[in-house]
Amino acid sequence: MIISIDKIEENKDLISVIALVEDAFLAYPQTYFDPPEYGPALCQTSFYLDEDENLPQDENNLIKYLNELNLDWQLLPKDWEY
């Protein structure tokens, strides 16, 4: 689930998104007594937008729209820069 959107780029019908995604990386591995714990991290994804479709302009609606797409998020390296 997306916490916040950091950057969106539109290149014709290809949309690239960088966002803070909850439970994106393993913060603490499972132990004999405790389950694994996951934390938020910056991730990226891309998808194609249909010709007759537009992205929502409001950030809350955009986050809701992106969450409904069930996108495959890729974790960005810690030293990644804009």
Protein backbone atom coordinates (compact mmCIF):
# COMPACT_ATOMS: atom_id res chain seq x y z
CA MET A 1 0.00 0.00 0.00
CA ILE A 2 1.32 3.44 -0.94
CA ILE A 3 2.04 5.88 1.89
CA SER A 4 3.00 8.83 -0.33
CA ILE A 5 3.96 9.55 -3.92
CA ASP A 6 7.40 10.97 -4.44
CA LYS A 7 7.56 11.35 -8.22
CA ILE A 8 5.46 10.59 -11.31
CA GLU A 9 6.65 10.79 -14.89
CA GLU A 10 4.45 10.43 -17.96
CA ASN A 11 6.00 9.42 -21.26
CA LYS A 12 3.12 9.10 -23.72
CA ASP A 13 1.20 6.12 -22.31
CA LEU A 14 3.97 4.84 -19.98
CA ILE A 15 3.63 6.03 -16.37
CA SER A 16 6.60 5.70 -13.99
CA VAL A 17 6.04 6.14 -10.27
CA ILE A 18 8.36 6.44 -7.29
CA ALA A 19 6.58 6.18 -3.96
CA LEU A 20 6.99 5.33 -0.31
CA VAL A 21 5.42 1.89 0.04
CA GLU A 22 4.58 0.27 3.37
CA ASP A 23 5.93 -3.21 4.17
CA ALA A 24 8.36 -3.02 1.24
CA PHE A 25 11.48 -4.46 2.86
CA LEU A 26 12.37 -6.95 5.57
CA ALA A 27 13.40 -4.85 8.59
CA TYR A 28 13.89 -7.76 11.03
CA PRO A 29 13.99 -11.42 10.01
CA GLN A 30 11.89 -14.04 11.71
CA THR A 31 13.28 -15.58 14.87
CA TYR A 32 12.25 -18.63 16.78
CA PHE A 33 9.98 -16.44 18.92
CA ASP A 34 9.02 -13.51 16.68
CA PRO A 35 7.54 -13.16 13.19
CA PRO A 36 9.37 -11.14 10.53
CA GLU A 37 8.87 -7.37 10.57
CA TYR A 38 8.61 -5.28 7.43
CA GLY A 39 9.08 -1.54 6.99
CA PRO A 40 8.34 1.20 4.45
CA ALA A 41 10.80 2.06 1.67
CA LEU A 42 11.08 4.00 -1.58
CA CYS A 43 10.03 1.85 -4.52
CA GLN A 44 9.45 2.29 -8.22
CA THR A 45 7.06 0.84 -10.75
CA SER A 46 5.81 1.49 -14.27
CA PHE A 47 2.58 0.75 -16.07
CA TYR A 48 0.77 1.64 -19.26
CA LEU A 49 -2.26 3.92 -19.26
CA ASP A 50 -5.09 3.28 -21.70
CA GLU A 51 -5.53 5.93 -24.40
CA ASP A 52 -8.92 7.06 -23.07
CA GLU A 53 -7.82 7.02 -19.42
CA ASN A 54 -6.41 9.89 -17.33
CA LEU A 55 -4.64 9.84 -13.99
CA PRO A 56 -6.53 11.40 -11.07
CA GLN A 57 -5.24 14.91 -10.29
CA ASP A 58 -5.92 14.77 -6.54
CA GLU A 59 -3.10 12.98 -4.65
CA ASN A 60 -5.46 10.99 -2.40
CA ASN A 61 -7.44 9.74 -5.40
CA LEU A 62 -4.18 9.00 -7.26
CA ILE A 63 -2.89 6.90 -4.35
CA LYS A 64 -6.21 5.05 -4.21
CA TYR A 65 -6.10 4.46 -7.98
CA LEU A 66 -2.51 3.15 -7.89
CA ASN A 67 -3.24 0.87 -4.91
CA GLU A 68 -6.16 -0.67 -6.83
CA LEU A 69 -3.83 -1.56 -9.73
CA ASN A 70 -1.86 -4.02 -7.55
CA LEU A 71 1.42 -2.96 -9.16
CA ASP A 72 4.71 -4.83 -8.82
CA TRP A 73 6.93 -2.47 -6.82
CA GLN A 74 10.72 -2.68 -7.03
CA LEU A 75 12.75 -1.58 -4.00
CA LEU A 76 15.14 1.30 -4.77
CA PRO A 77 18.70 1.04 -3.41
CA LYS A 78 19.44 3.05 -0.26
CA ASP A 79 21.97 5.24 -2.12
CA TRP A 80 19.52 6.07 -4.92
CA GLU A 81 19.32 9.76 -5.82
CA TYR A 82 16.87 11.73 -7.95
